């Protein structure tokens, strides 16, 4: 019994630092005013070589339109396991999407970028409309979009 208690105590001691090595990061995407339907957005991480790593958030609930978020769609393979639990409503013209997520400290200042793909029905799709390095230097800075996004920023 004593060995089991000691083993559990040691396991908890090892696990606690791992749990504490993540932080809440708020991603804020402000859309421009445009004429048209709500925008679909995919926020995702790529590594230093530009290779897809993971989905952060998908705005827009109808998965049949996800193929228009082409950079994200290609990287994620449109597998539902890549976006289950990280989706919300589309974002309307002029509105702001705020998403707060737990991000591992090991991803910050490690060469990763946050990318944002956008699409609006019957309008242009924008692959990697925003690319923002995930760094402590980038906290609070505004990154412009090339299409529907007015600005993108993140805070810890």
Protein backbone atom coordinates (compact mmCIF):
# COMPACT_ATOMS: atom_id res chain seq x y z
CA UNK A 1 0.00 0.00 0.00
CA UNK A 2 2.85 2.38 0.87
CA UNK A 3 4.49 1.72 -2.51
CA UNK A 4 1.24 2.50 -4.32
CA UNK A 5 0.79 5.75 -2.39
CA UNK A 6 4.39 6.75 -3.10
CA UNK A 7 3.98 5.92 -6.79
CA UNK A 8 0.79 7.99 -7.02
CA UNK A 9 2.43 10.93 -5.25
CA UNK A 10 5.39 10.79 -7.64
CA UNK A 11 3.10 10.60 -10.68
CA UNK A 12 1.15 13.64 -9.47
CA UNK A 13 4.39 15.57 -8.93
CA UNK A 14 5.51 14.79 -12.48
CA UNK A 15 2.11 15.57 -14.03
CA UNK A 16 1.52 18.93 -12.32
CA UNK A 17 4.26 20.86 -14.16
CA UNK A 18 2.92 19.51 -17.46
CA UNK A 19 -0.57 20.79 -16.67
CA UNK A 20 0.77 24.22 -15.72
CA UNK A 21 2.68 24.66 -19.01
CA UNK A 22 -0.19 26.06 -21.03
CA UNK A 23 -1.80 29.45 -21.07
CA UNK A 24 -5.04 31.02 -22.18
CA UNK A 25 -4.59 32.83 -25.47
CA UNK A 26 -7.36 35.05 -26.83
CA UNK A 27 -7.49 35.33 -30.60
CA UNK A 28 -9.42 38.37 -31.89
CA UNK A 29 -10.46 38.64 -35.52
CA UNK A 30 -12.21 41.89 -36.55
CA UNK A 31 -13.96 41.71 -39.91
CA UNK A 32 -14.32 44.61 -42.33
CA UNK A 33 -17.76 45.79 -43.31
CA UNK A 34 -18.70 44.14 -46.60
CA UNK A 35 -21.90 43.30 -48.43
CA UNK A 36 -22.67 39.62 -48.16
CA UNK A 37 -23.41 36.67 -45.93
CA UNK A 38 -21.55 35.71 -42.80
CA UNK A 39 -17.92 34.67 -43.16
CA UNK A 40 -16.51 31.24 -42.50
CA UNK A 41 -13.10 31.38 -40.82
CA UNK A 42 -10.52 28.76 -39.94
CA UNK A 43 -7.82 29.60 -37.40
CA UNK A 44 -5.02 27.04 -37.44
CA UNK A 45 -1.36 26.51 -36.63
CA UNK A 46 1.43 25.79 -39.08
CA UNK A 47 5.04 24.99 -38.22
CA UNK A 48 8.16 26.87 -39.35
CA UNK A 49 8.01 25.05 -42.72
CA UNK A 50 4.38 26.10 -43.27
CA UNK A 51 3.02 22.61 -42.63
CA UNK A 52 -0.40 22.30 -41.00
CA UNK A 53 -0.23 21.26 -37.34
CA UNK A 54 -3.65 21.70 -35.75
CA UNK A 55 -6.99 23.47 -35.86
CA UNK A 56 -7.59 26.21 -33.32
CA UNK A 57 -11.13 27.28 -34.30
CA UNK A 58 -13.60 27.11 -37.18
CA UNK A 59 -16.34 29.73 -37.46
CA UNK A 60 -19.27 28.45 -39.49
CA UNK A 61 -21.34 25.39 -38.68
CA UNK A 62 -22.08 23.88 -42.11
CA UNK A 63 -19.19 21.56 -42.83
CA UNK A 64 -20.11 21.34 -46.52
CA UNK A 65 -18.61 24.85 -46.92
CA UNK A 66 -15.32 24.05 -45.16
CA UNK A 67 -13.67 23.11 -48.47
CA UNK A 68 -13.63 26.84 -49.27
CA UNK A 69 -11.19 27.38 -46.40
CA UNK A 70 -8.59 25.84 -48.68
CA UNK A 71 -5.32 26.09 -46.73
CA UNK A 72 -6.94 24.71 -43.61
CA UNK A 73 -8.99 22.16 -45.58
CA UNK A 74 -5.90 20.78 -47.28
CA UNK A 75 -3.93 20.55 -44.04
CA UNK A 76 -6.73 19.11 -41.91
CA UNK A 77 -7.94 16.74 -44.59
CA UNK A 78 -11.42 17.93 -43.57
CA UNK A 79 -11.45 15.17 -40.97
CA UNK A 80 -14.18 15.88 -38.43
CA UNK A 81 -11.74 14.92 -35.66
CA UNK A 82 -9.80 18.07 -36.61
CA UNK A 83 -12.71 20.40 -35.87
CA UNK A 84 -15.03 18.55 -33.47
CA UNK A 85 -15.52 20.75 -30.44
CA UNK A 86 -13.80 23.80 -31.94
CA UNK A 87 -16.54 25.30 -34.08
CA UNK A 88 -18.98 28.17 -33.74
CA UNK A 89 -21.28 30.36 -35.77
CA UNK A 90 -20.13 32.25 -38.85
CA UNK A 91 -19.08 35.87 -38.33
CA UNK A 92 -21.11 38.68 -39.86
CA UNK A 93 -19.78 41.71 -41.70
CA UNK A 94 -18.13 44.20 -39.32
CA UNK A 95 -18.29 41.84 -36.33
CA UNK A 96 -15.51 40.55 -34.12
CA UNK A 97 -14.72 36.92 -33.33
CA UNK A 98 -13.06 36.38 -29.93
CA UNK A 99 -11.85 32.89 -29.11
CA UNK A 100 -9.93 31.98 -25.95
CA UNK A 101 -8.06 28.69 -26.02
CA UNK A 102 -5.50 26.83 -23.94
CA UNK A 103 -2.22 26.89 -25.88
CA UNK A 104 0.84 24.90 -24.80
CA UNK A 105 3.82 27.08 -23.89
CA UNK A 106 5.97 24.88 -26.13
CA UNK A 107 4.17 26.33 -29.19
CA UNK A 108 5.00 29.94 -28.32
CA UNK A 109 8.30 31.33 -29.67
CA UNK A 110 8.91 27.99 -31.40
CA UNK A 111 8.44 28.98 -35.06
CA UNK A 112 4.68 28.43 -35.27
CA UNK A 113 2.29 30.74 -37.10
CA UNK A 114 -1.42 31.26 -36.70
CA UNK A 115 -3.16 31.41 -40.06
CA UNK A 116 -6.67 32.52 -40.84
CA UNK A 117 -8.51 31.38 -43.98
CA UNK A 118 -11.80 33.11 -44.85
CA UNK A 119 -14.70 32.50 -47.22
CA UNK A 120 -18.05 34.17 -47.86
CA UNK A 121 -20.80 32.60 -49.97
CA UNK A 122 -20.80 33.89 -53.58
CA UNK A 123 -17.69 35.93 -52.87
CA UNK A 124 -13.94 35.39 -52.87
CA UNK A 125 -12.18 32.80 -50.68
CA UNK A 126 -8.94 33.89 -49.00
CA UNK A 127 -6.32 31.26 -48.23
CA UNK A 128 -3.93 32.33 -45.44
CA UNK A 129 -5.55 35.76 -45.37
CA UNK A 130 -3.67 36.39 -42.14
CA UNK A 131 -0.34 34.87 -41.06
CA UNK A 132 0.84 35.86 -37.60
CA UNK A 133 3.87 34.39 -35.83
CA UNK A 134 2.91 32.94 -32.44
CA UNK A 135 5.50 34.79 -30.35
CA UNK A 136 5.67 36.80 -27.16
CA UNK A 137 6.74 39.77 -29.33
CA UNK A 138 3.52 39.46 -31.31
CA UNK A 139 1.22 39.75 -28.28
CA UNK A 140 -1.23 42.61 -28.76
CA UNK A 141 0.07 43.54 -32.22
CA UNK A 142 -2.43 43.98 -35.02
CA UNK A 143 -1.97 41.90 -38.16
CA UNK A 144 -3.96 43.07 -41.23
CA UNK A 145 -5.92 40.73 -43.46
CA UNK A 146 -5.91 40.69 -47.25
CA UNK A 147 -9.66 40.21 -47.68
CA UNK A 148 -12.49 40.26 -45.13
CA UNK A 149 -10.28 40.62 -42.04
CA UNK A 150 -9.67 44.17 -40.84
CA UNK A 151 -7.28 43.03 -38.11
CA UNK A 152 -6.17 39.97 -36.19
CA UNK A 153 -4.39 39.92 -32.83
CA UNK A 154 -3.80 37.66 -29.89
CA UNK A 155 -3.17 38.23 -26.20
CA UNK A 156 -1.97 36.02 -23.35
